[in-house]
Amino acid sequence: MSALLRAAGYWLLALIIAGGYGIMLMAFVQSSFRERQLEQLAGADQTTLVCGLAAITTVLFTWQLISMVSFSGLLQRILFSLATHLILFAALGGVFVIVFNILTKSDPIKTTWWQWLVHGFYWDSVNGFYAFAIFVIGELKLEIIGLFFATSIAIAILAPWKLTPSTNFGRI
């Protein structure tokens, strides 16, 4: 029972970190839109929502994946967390843009699903994916970079540690 409570406590801590990170990243993206006077664009709310969802999901995936280096030193954990965090954020952000386009851009004018898929969805998805990557990752502001580093360091420090290598991977 103690191990179950400890695991639940770790996941509760991960959810708190993920929620805080998602809210802060959404606030930074929204302030970036306001600085550039772009908050009236149609995609501003979508980009803000996608950033928040990608941030929350990224933290939870990184929290789970850090167990692969749970017996390593702090510097290795921080570097692994940062690399995993950046790659997952870009990938999941693009996937969420594509899913958001599928859910919101169904066009009843197209006659068949194949025409919609080839002509409508593909170009919208490519456009949305690159717009997300260029806007969020291409123009990294100091506060967003700091937030990436702070979250990666928090995950590396607060995620569960093991003092010896797992028997699943053998002794290193």
N, C-alpha and C. Protein backbone atom coordinates (compact mmCIF):
# COMPACT_ATOMS: atom_id res chain seq x y z
N MET A 1 0.82 -1.19 0.00
CA MET A 1 0.00 0.00 0.00
C MET A 1 0.87 1.25 0.00
N SER A 2 2.00 1.18 0.67
CA SER A 2 2.89 2.34 0.74
C SER A 2 3.46 2.69 -0.64
N ALA A 3 3.80 1.66 -1.42
CA ALA A 3 4.32 1.92 -2.77
C ALA A 3 3.25 2.53 -3.66
N LEU A 4 2.00 2.12 -3.48
CA LEU A 4 0.91 2.67 -4.27
C LEU A 4 0.67 4.14 -3.91
N LEU A 5 0.72 4.46 -2.63
CA LEU A 5 0.56 5.86 -2.22
C LEU A 5 1.72 6.72 -2.71
N ARG A 6 2.93 6.16 -2.68
CA ARG A 6 4.08 6.90 -3.17
C ARG A 6 3.97 7.17 -4.67
N ALA A 7 3.53 6.18 -5.44
CA ALA A 7 3.34 6.36 -6.88
C ALA A 7 2.24 7.38 -7.16
N ALA A 8 1.16 7.32 -6.39
CA ALA A 8 0.08 8.30 -6.56
C ALA A 8 0.57 9.70 -6.22
N GLY A 9 1.40 9.81 -5.20
CA GLY A 9 1.96 11.11 -4.84
C GLY A 9 2.86 11.66 -5.93
N TYR A 10 3.67 10.79 -6.53
CA TYR A 10 4.53 11.24 -7.63
C TYR A 10 3.71 11.70 -8.83
N TRP A 11 2.64 10.97 -9.16
CA TRP A 11 1.82 11.37 -10.30
C TRP A 11 1.02 12.63 -10.01
N LEU A 12 0.61 12.82 -8.75
CA LEU A 12 -0.05 14.06 -8.37
C LEU A 12 0.92 15.23 -8.53
N LEU A 13 2.16 15.04 -8.12
CA LEU A 13 3.18 16.07 -8.31
C LEU A 13 3.41 16.34 -9.80
N ALA A 14 3.41 15.30 -10.62
CA ALA A 14 3.57 15.48 -12.06
C ALA A 14 2.40 16.27 -12.64
N LEU A 15 1.19 15.97 -12.20
CA LEU A 15 0.01 16.71 -12.68
C LEU A 15 0.06 18.17 -12.26
N ILE A 16 0.53 18.45 -11.06
CA ILE A 16 0.66 19.84 -10.60
C ILE A 16 1.68 20.58 -11.45
N ILE A 17 2.83 19.96 -11.70
CA ILE A 17 3.86 20.58 -12.53
C ILE A 17 3.34 20.78 -13.95
N ALA A 18 2.68 19.77 -14.50
CA ALA A 18 2.16 19.86 -15.87
C ALA A 18 1.11 20.95 -15.99
N GLY A 19 0.20 21.03 -15.04
CA GLY A 19 -0.82 22.07 -15.07
C GLY A 19 -0.23 23.46 -14.96
N GLY A 20 0.69 23.64 -14.04
CA GLY A 20 1.34 24.95 -13.90
C GLY A 20 2.12 25.34 -15.13
N TYR A 21 2.82 24.37 -15.70
CA TYR A 21 3.61 24.64 -16.91
C TYR A 21 2.70 24.98 -18.09
N GLY A 22 1.60 24.24 -18.24
CA GLY A 22 0.68 24.51 -19.34
C GLY A 22 0.05 25.88 -19.23
N ILE A 23 -0.37 26.26 -18.03
CA ILE A 23 -0.97 27.57 -17.83
C ILE A 23 0.05 28.68 -18.08
N MET A 24 1.27 28.53 -17.57
CA MET A 24 2.28 29.56 -17.79
C MET A 24 2.65 29.69 -19.26
N LEU A 25 2.78 28.57 -19.96
CA LEU A 25 3.12 28.63 -21.38
C LEU A 25 1.98 29.27 -22.18
N MET A 26 0.74 28.96 -21.84
CA MET A 26 -0.38 29.61 -22.51
C MET A 26 -0.37 31.11 -22.27
N ALA A 27 -0.03 31.52 -21.05
CA ALA A 27 0.04 32.96 -20.75
C ALA A 27 1.16 33.63 -21.55
N PHE A 28 2.32 32.97 -21.67
CA PHE A 28 3.42 33.55 -22.44
C PHE A 28 3.07 33.66 -23.92
N VAL A 29 2.41 32.65 -24.46
CA VAL A 29 2.03 32.69 -25.87
C VAL A 29 0.99 33.78 -26.10
N GLN A 30 0.04 33.90 -25.18
CA GLN A 30 -0.98 34.95 -25.32
C GLN A 30 -0.34 36.33 -25.22
N SER A 31 0.61 36.52 -24.32
CA SER A 31 1.28 37.82 -24.22
C SER A 31 2.13 38.10 -25.46
N SER A 32 2.68 37.05 -26.06
CA SER A 32 3.42 37.23 -27.31
C SER A 32 2.49 37.69 -28.43
N PHE A 33 1.28 37.12 -28.47
CA PHE A 33 0.29 37.59 -29.45
C PHE A 33 -0.05 39.06 -29.21
N ARG A 34 -0.20 39.43 -27.95
CA ARG A 34 -0.57 40.82 -27.65
C ARG A 34 0.56 41.79 -27.99
N GLU A 35 1.80 41.38 -27.74
CA GLU A 35 2.93 42.25 -28.07
C GLU A 35 2.99 42.54 -29.55
N ARG A 36 2.67 41.55 -30.34
CA ARG A 36 2.72 41.72 -31.80
C ARG A 36 1.37 42.13 -32.38
N GLN A 37 0.40 42.41 -31.50
CA GLN A 37 -0.96 42.82 -31.89
C GLN A 37 -1.59 41.82 -32.86
N LEU A 38 -1.46 40.55 -32.52
CA LEU A 38 -2.01 39.49 -33.36
C LEU A 38 -3.12 38.72 -32.66
N GLU A 39 -3.60 39.22 -31.50
CA GLU A 39 -4.59 38.43 -30.75
C GLU A 39 -5.93 38.33 -31.44
N GLN A 40 -6.17 39.14 -32.46
CA GLN A 40 -7.44 39.09 -33.18
C GLN A 40 -7.45 38.04 -34.29
N LEU A 41 -6.30 37.44 -34.58
CA LEU A 41 -6.26 36.43 -35.63
C LEU A 41 -7.08 35.20 -35.24
N ALA A 42 -7.58 34.52 -36.25
CA ALA A 42 -8.43 33.35 -36.00
C ALA A 42 -7.65 32.22 -35.33
N GLY A 43 -6.39 32.07 -35.65
CA GLY A 43 -5.61 30.97 -35.11
C GLY A 43 -4.97 31.25 -33.77
N ALA A 44 -5.17 32.44 -33.21
CA ALA A 44 -4.50 32.78 -31.95
C ALA A 44 -5.00 31.92 -30.80
N ASP A 45 -6.31 31.74 -30.70
CA ASP A 45 -6.85 30.91 -29.62
C ASP A 45 -6.47 29.45 -29.82
N GLN A 46 -6.47 28.99 -31.09
CA GLN A 46 -6.08 27.62 -31.37
C GLN A 46 -4.63 27.38 -30.98
N THR A 47 -3.74 28.30 -31.33
CA THR A 47 -2.33 28.14 -31.00
C THR A 47 -2.12 28.15 -29.50
N THR A 48 -2.83 29.01 -28.79
CA THR A 48 -2.71 29.06 -27.34
C THR A 48 -3.18 27.76 -26.71
N LEU A 49 -4.31 27.26 -27.18
CA LEU A 49 -4.83 25.99 -26.65
C LEU A 49 -3.90 24.83 -26.97
N VAL A 50 -3.40 24.78 -28.19
CA VAL A 50 -2.49 23.71 -28.59
C VAL A 50 -1.21 23.76 -27.76
N CYS A 51 -0.68 24.96 -27.51
CA CYS A 51 0.52 25.07 -26.68
C CYS A 51 0.27 24.54 -25.27
N GLY A 52 -0.88 24.88 -24.71
CA GLY A 52 -1.20 24.38 -23.37
C GLY A 52 -1.34 22.87 -23.32
N LEU A 53 -2.08 22.31 -24.27
CA LEU A 53 -2.24 20.85 -24.30
C LEU A 53 -0.92 20.13 -24.57
N ALA A 54 -0.13 20.68 -25.49
CA ALA A 54 1.18 20.07 -25.78
C ALA A 54 2.09 20.15 -24.57
N ALA A 55 2.05 21.26 -23.85
CA ALA A 55 2.89 21.41 -22.67
C ALA A 55 2.52 20.41 -21.59
N ILE A 56 1.24 20.28 -21.31
CA ILE A 56 0.79 19.35 -20.27
C ILE A 56 1.13 17.91 -20.64
N THR A 57 0.85 17.53 -21.88
CA THR A 57 1.14 16.17 -22.32
C THR A 57 2.64 15.90 -22.35
N THR A 58 3.41 16.89 -22.75
CA THR A 58 4.86 16.73 -22.79
C THR A 58 5.44 16.49 -21.41
N VAL A 59 4.97 17.23 -20.42
CA VAL A 59 5.48 17.04 -19.06
C VAL A 59 5.14 15.63 -18.56
N LEU A 60 3.92 15.18 -18.82
CA LEU A 60 3.54 13.85 -18.35
C LEU A 60 4.33 12.74 -19.05
N PHE A 61 4.56 12.88 -20.36
CA PHE A 61 5.38 11.90 -21.07
C PHE A 61 6.83 11.95 -20.58
N THR A 62 7.36 13.14 -20.40
CA THR A 62 8.76 13.26 -19.94
C THR A 62 8.89 12.69 -18.54
N TRP A 63 7.90 12.91 -17.70
CA TRP A 63 7.91 12.36 -16.33
C TRP A 63 7.99 10.84 -16.38
N GLN A 64 7.27 10.24 -17.30
CA GLN A 64 7.31 8.78 -17.42
C GLN A 64 8.62 8.31 -18.04
N LEU A 65 9.11 9.01 -19.04
CA LEU A 65 10.33 8.58 -19.73
C LEU A 65 11.59 8.79 -18.90
N ILE A 66 11.57 9.68 -17.93
CA ILE A 66 12.76 9.93 -17.12
C ILE A 66 13.12 8.70 -16.28
N SER A 67 12.19 7.76 -16.16
CA SER A 67 12.49 6.54 -15.41
C SER A 67 13.58 5.72 -16.08
N MET A 68 13.81 5.95 -17.39
CA MET A 68 14.87 5.20 -18.08
C MET A 68 16.25 5.63 -17.59
N VAL A 69 16.38 6.83 -17.08
CA VAL A 69 17.66 7.30 -16.55
C VAL A 69 17.54 7.61 -15.07
N SER A 70 16.65 6.90 -14.38
CA SER A 70 16.37 7.23 -12.99
C SER A 70 17.54 6.93 -12.05
N PHE A 71 18.48 6.13 -12.49
CA PHE A 71 19.63 5.83 -11.64
C PHE A 71 20.86 6.64 -12.03
N SER A 72 20.74 7.51 -13.01
CA SER A 72 21.87 8.32 -13.47
C SER A 72 22.04 9.54 -12.59
N GLY A 73 23.10 10.29 -12.88
CA GLY A 73 23.37 11.51 -12.13
C GLY A 73 22.41 12.62 -12.52
N LEU A 74 22.47 13.70 -11.75
CA LEU A 74 21.54 14.80 -11.96
C LEU A 74 21.74 15.48 -13.31
N LEU A 75 22.98 15.66 -13.74
CA LEU A 75 23.23 16.32 -15.03
C LEU A 75 22.67 15.50 -16.19
N GLN A 76 22.86 14.18 -16.14
CA GLN A 76 22.30 13.31 -17.19
C GLN A 76 20.78 13.38 -17.20
N ARG A 77 20.18 13.41 -16.03
CA ARG A 77 18.72 13.49 -15.95
C ARG A 77 18.22 14.82 -16.51
N ILE A 78 18.92 15.91 -16.20
CA ILE A 78 18.51 17.23 -16.71
C ILE A 78 18.63 17.27 -18.22
N LEU A 79 19.75 16.79 -18.77
CA LEU A 79 19.93 16.81 -20.23
C LEU A 79 18.92 15.90 -20.92
N PHE A 80 18.67 14.73 -20.37
CA PHE A 80 17.67 13.82 -20.94
C PHE A 80 16.28 14.46 -20.89
N SER A 81 15.96 15.07 -19.77
CA SER A 81 14.66 15.71 -19.62
C SER A 81 14.49 16.86 -20.59
N LEU A 82 15.54 17.67 -20.76
CA LEU A 82 15.46 18.81 -21.68
C LEU A 82 15.31 18.35 -23.13
N ALA A 83 16.10 17.37 -23.53
CA ALA A 83 16.03 16.88 -24.91
C ALA A 83 14.67 16.24 -25.18
N THR A 84 14.22 15.40 -24.26
CA THR A 84 12.92 14.75 -24.43
C THR A 84 11.80 15.78 -24.45
N HIS A 85 11.93 16.76 -23.59
CA HIS A 85 10.91 17.79 -23.47
C HIS A 85 10.78 18.60 -24.76
N LEU A 86 11.89 19.03 -25.33
CA LEU A 86 11.84 19.84 -26.55
C LEU A 86 11.32 19.05 -27.74
N ILE A 87 11.79 17.81 -27.89
CA ILE A 87 11.36 16.99 -29.02
C ILE A 87 9.88 16.65 -28.91
N LEU A 88 9.45 16.25 -27.73
CA LEU A 88 8.04 15.91 -27.54
C LEU A 88 7.13 17.12 -27.70
N PHE A 89 7.58 18.28 -27.23
CA PHE A 89 6.74 19.48 -27.35
C PHE A 89 6.50 19.82 -28.82
N ALA A 90 7.56 19.77 -29.62
CA ALA A 90 7.39 20.08 -31.04
C ALA A 90 6.51 19.04 -31.73
N ALA A 91 6.75 17.77 -31.44
CA ALA A 91 5.98 16.71 -32.10
C ALA A 91 4.52 16.72 -31.66
N LEU A 92 4.28 16.81 -30.35
CA LEU A 92 2.90 16.78 -29.87
C LEU A 92 2.14 18.05 -30.27
N GLY A 93 2.84 19.18 -30.32
CA GLY A 93 2.19 20.40 -30.78
C GLY A 93 1.70 20.26 -32.20
N GLY A 94 2.53 19.70 -33.06
CA GLY A 94 2.12 19.47 -34.44
C GLY A 94 0.97 18.48 -34.55
N VAL A 95 1.02 17.43 -33.74
CA VAL A 95 -0.07 16.44 -33.76
C VAL A 95 -1.37 17.07 -33.27
N PHE A 96 -1.30 17.87 -32.22
CA PHE A 96 -2.51 18.52 -31.73
C PHE A 96 -3.08 19.52 -32.73
N VAL A 97 -2.22 20.19 -33.49
CA VAL A 97 -2.71 21.08 -34.55
C VAL A 97 -3.46 20.27 -35.59
N ILE A 98 -2.91 19.14 -35.98
CA ILE A 98 -3.57 18.29 -36.98
C ILE A 98 -4.91 17.77 -36.45
N VAL A 99 -4.94 17.32 -35.20
CA VAL A 99 -6.19 16.82 -34.61
C VAL A 99 -7.21 17.96 -34.51
N PHE A 100 -6.75 19.13 -34.10
CA PHE A 100 -7.66 20.27 -34.01
C PHE A 100 -8.23 20.60 -35.38
N ASN A 101 -7.41 20.52 -36.43
CA ASN A 101 -7.91 20.76 -37.79
C ASN A 101 -8.92 19.70 -38.21
N ILE A 102 -8.70 18.46 -37.83
CA ILE A 102 -9.66 17.40 -38.18
C ILE A 102 -11.00 17.67 -37.51
N LEU A 103 -10.96 18.08 -36.25
CA LEU A 103 -12.21 18.27 -35.50
C LEU A 103 -12.96 19.53 -35.90
N THR A 104 -12.27 20.54 -36.35
CA THR A 104 -12.94 21.82 -36.59
C THR A 104 -13.11 22.20 -38.06
N LYS A 105 -12.38 21.56 -38.97
CA LYS A 105 -12.40 21.99 -40.36
C LYS A 105 -13.13 21.03 -41.28
N SER A 106 -14.13 20.33 -40.79
CA SER A 106 -14.87 19.45 -41.69
C SER A 106 -15.69 20.31 -42.64
N ASP A 107 -15.51 20.09 -43.90
CA ASP A 107 -16.13 20.92 -44.93
C ASP A 107 -17.21 20.12 -45.64
N PRO A 108 -18.49 20.44 -45.41
CA PRO A 108 -19.54 19.64 -46.04
C PRO A 108 -19.68 19.89 -47.54
N ILE A 109 -19.01 20.91 -48.07
CA ILE A 109 -19.12 21.22 -49.49
C ILE A 109 -18.41 20.15 -50.33
N LYS A 110 -17.31 19.63 -49.81
CA LYS A 110 -16.60 18.57 -50.53
C LYS A 110 -17.50 17.35 -50.65
N THR A 111 -17.44 16.69 -51.79
CA THR A 111 -18.40 15.62 -52.05
C THR A 111 -18.01 14.31 -51.37
N THR A 112 -16.75 13.96 -51.35
CA THR A 112 -16.35 12.69 -50.73
C THR A 112 -15.28 12.95 -49.69
N TRP A 113 -15.11 11.99 -48.80
CA TRP A 113 -14.09 12.14 -47.78
C TRP A 113 -12.70 12.17 -48.40
N TRP A 114 -12.50 11.49 -49.52
CA TRP A 114 -11.20 11.46 -50.16
C TRP A 114 -10.82 12.85 -50.68
N GLN A 115 -11.78 13.53 -51.30
CA GLN A 115 -11.51 14.89 -51.77
C GLN A 115 -11.21 15.82 -50.60
N TRP A 116 -11.97 15.66 -49.51
CA TRP A 116 -11.70 16.49 -48.34
C TRP A 116 -10.32 16.19 -47.77
N LEU A 117 -9.97 14.90 -47.70
CA LEU A 117 -8.69 14.51 -47.14
C LEU A 117 -7.53 15.04 -47.98
N VAL A 118 -7.62 14.87 -49.29
CA VAL A 118 -6.52 15.27 -50.16
C VAL A 118 -6.44 16.78 -50.31
N HIS A 119 -7.56 17.42 -50.56
CA HIS A 119 -7.53 18.83 -50.89
C HIS A 119 -7.64 19.74 -49.66
N GLY A 120 -8.44 19.39 -48.70
CA GLY A 120 -8.68 20.28 -47.58
C GLY A 120 -7.78 20.01 -46.38
N PHE A 121 -7.83 18.79 -45.90
CA PHE A 121 -7.15 18.47 -44.65
C PHE A 121 -5.64 18.53 -44.76
N TYR A 122 -5.09 18.00 -45.84
CA TYR A 122 -3.64 17.91 -45.94
C TYR A 122 -3.00 19.29 -45.87
N TRP A 123 -3.47 20.22 -46.68
CA TRP A 123 -2.83 21.54 -46.71
C TRP A 123 -3.10 22.31 -45.43
N ASP A 124 -4.29 22.15 -44.84
CA ASP A 124 -4.56 22.79 -43.56
C ASP A 124 -3.64 22.25 -42.47
N SER A 125 -3.42 20.95 -42.48
CA SER A 125 -2.57 20.34 -41.46
C SER A 125 -1.12 20.75 -41.62
N VAL A 126 -0.64 20.74 -42.84
CA VAL A 126 0.75 21.16 -43.06
C VAL A 126 0.93 22.62 -42.66
N ASN A 127 -0.02 23.44 -43.06
CA ASN A 127 0.05 24.85 -42.70
C ASN A 127 0.00 25.03 -41.19
N GLY A 128 -0.89 24.32 -40.50
CA GLY A 128 -1.00 24.44 -39.06
C GLY A 128 0.24 23.93 -38.33
N PHE A 129 0.79 22.82 -38.80
CA PHE A 129 1.98 22.26 -38.17
C PHE A 129 3.16 23.21 -38.29
N TYR A 130 3.39 23.73 -39.49
CA TYR A 130 4.52 24.64 -39.67
C TYR A 130 4.29 25.98 -38.97
N ALA A 131 3.03 26.44 -38.94
CA ALA A 131 2.74 27.67 -38.22
C ALA A 131 3.03 27.50 -36.73
N PHE A 132 2.67 26.33 -36.17
CA PHE A 132 2.96 26.07 -34.76
C PHE A 132 4.46 26.03 -34.52
N ALA A 133 5.16 25.29 -35.37
CA ALA A 133 6.61 25.15 -35.18
C ALA A 133 7.32 26.49 -35.34
N ILE A 134 6.95 27.26 -36.33
CA ILE A 134 7.62 28.55 -36.55
C ILE A 134 7.26 29.54 -35.46
N PHE A 135 5.98 29.59 -35.08
CA PHE A 135 5.58 30.59 -34.10
C PHE A 135 6.13 30.29 -32.72
N VAL A 136 5.98 29.06 -32.27
CA VAL A 136 6.33 28.74 -30.89
C VAL A 136 7.81 28.41 -30.75
N ILE A 137 8.33 27.59 -31.63
CA ILE A 137 9.70 27.14 -31.47
C ILE A 137 10.67 28.04 -32.23
N GLY A 138 10.24 28.55 -33.37
CA GLY A 138 11.12 29.40 -34.17
C GLY A 138 11.45 30.71 -33.51
N GLU A 139 10.49 31.26 -32.79
CA GLU A 139 10.72 32.55 -32.13
C GLU A 139 10.71 32.33 -30.62
N LEU A 140 11.71 31.64 -30.13
CA LEU A 140 11.78 31.35 -28.70
C LEU A 140 12.22 32.60 -27.95
N LYS A 141 11.36 33.06 -27.09
CA LYS A 141 11.69 34.20 -26.26
C LYS A 141 12.40 33.71 -25.02
N LEU A 142 13.03 34.63 -24.33
CA LEU A 142 13.81 34.27 -23.15
C LEU A 142 12.93 33.63 -22.07
N GLU A 143 11.70 34.12 -21.91
CA GLU A 143 10.85 33.54 -20.87
C GLU A 143 10.41 32.12 -21.23
N ILE A 144 10.20 31.84 -22.51
CA ILE A 144 9.81 30.48 -22.90
C ILE A 144 11.00 29.54 -22.77
N ILE A 145 12.18 29.99 -23.15
CA ILE A 145 13.39 29.17 -22.97
C ILE A 145 13.62 28.89 -21.48
N GLY A 146 13.46 29.92 -20.65
CA GLY A 146 13.60 29.74 -19.21
C GLY A 146 12.58 28.77 -18.65
N LEU A 147 11.37 28.84 -19.17
CA LEU A 147 10.32 27.92 -18.72
C LEU A 147 10.63 26.49 -19.14
N PHE A 148 11.16 26.29 -20.36
CA PHE A 148 11.58 24.95 -20.78
C PHE A 148 12.65 24.41 -19.83
N PHE A 149 13.69 25.23 -19.56
CA PHE A 149 14.77 24.78 -18.68
C PHE A 149 14.28 24.52 -17.27
N ALA A 150 13.45 25.43 -16.73
CA ALA A 150 12.97 25.27 -15.35
C ALA A 150 12.12 24.01 -15.21
N THR A 151 11.27 23.76 -16.18
CA THR A 151 10.44 22.56 -16.11
C THR A 151 11.28 21.30 -16.25
N SER A 152 12.27 21.32 -17.14
CA SER A 152 13.14 20.15 -17.29
C SER A 152 13.94 19.89 -16.03
N ILE A 153 14.42 20.93 -15.40
CA ILE A 153 15.17 20.76 -14.15
C ILE A 153 14.25 20.26 -13.04
N ALA A 154 13.03 20.79 -12.98
CA ALA A 154 12.08 20.33 -11.96
C ALA A 154 11.73 18.86 -12.17
N ILE A 155 11.53 18.46 -13.41
CA ILE A 155 11.23 17.05 -13.67
C ILE A 155 12.42 16.18 -13.29
N ALA A 156 13.62 16.61 -13.65
CA ALA A 156 14.82 15.82 -13.34
C ALA A 156 15.02 15.67 -11.83
N ILE A 157 14.72 16.69 -11.08
CA ILE A 157 14.94 16.64 -9.62
C ILE A 157 13.80 15.91 -8.91
N LEU A 158 12.56 16.18 -9.32
CA LEU A 158 11.41 15.68 -8.56
C LEU A 158 10.89 14.33 -9.00
N ALA A 159 11.24 13.88 -10.20
CA ALA A 159 10.78 12.56 -10.65
C ALA A 159 11.45 11.48 -9.80
N PRO A 160 10.83 10.31 -9.71
CA PRO A 160 11.37 9.26 -8.84
C PRO A 160 12.80 8.86 -9.21
N TRP A 161 13.62 8.67 -8.19
CA TRP A 161 15.01 8.25 -8.35
C TRP A 161 15.14 6.80 -7.95
N LYS A 162 16.11 6.12 -8.56
CA LYS A 162 16.50 4.78 -8.13
C LYS A 162 17.99 4.85 -7.83
N LEU A 163 18.41 4.15 -6.81
CA LEU A 163 19.82 4.19 -6.44
C LEU A 163 20.65 3.17 -7.19
N THR A 164 20.01 2.13 -7.72
CA THR A 164 20.72 1.13 -8.47
C THR A 164 20.03 0.94 -9.81
N PRO A 165 20.76 0.46 -10.82
CA PRO A 165 20.11 0.22 -12.12
C PRO A 165 19.01 -0.83 -12.01
N SER A 166 18.03 -0.69 -12.85
CA SER A 166 16.92 -1.65 -12.87
C SER A 166 17.41 -3.00 -13.36
N THR A 167 16.82 -4.06 -12.82
CA THR A 167 17.22 -5.39 -13.27
C THR A 167 16.69 -5.69 -14.67
N ASN A 168 15.72 -4.90 -15.13
CA ASN A 168 15.18 -5.11 -16.47
C ASN A 168 16.23 -4.80 -17.54
N PHE A 169 17.09 -3.84 -17.29
CA PHE A 169 18.09 -3.43 -18.26
C PHE A 169 19.46 -4.03 -17.98
N GLY A 170 19.60 -4.75 -16.87
CA GLY A 170 20.88 -5.32 -16.52
C GLY A 170 21.77 -4.31 -15.80
N ARG A 171 22.85 -4.74 -15.30
CA ARG A 171 23.79 -3.86 -14.60
C ARG A 171 24.66 -3.13 -15.59
N ILE A 172 24.85 -1.86 -15.35
CA ILE A 172 25.69 -1.05 -16.25
C ILE A 172 26.97 -0.71 -15.52
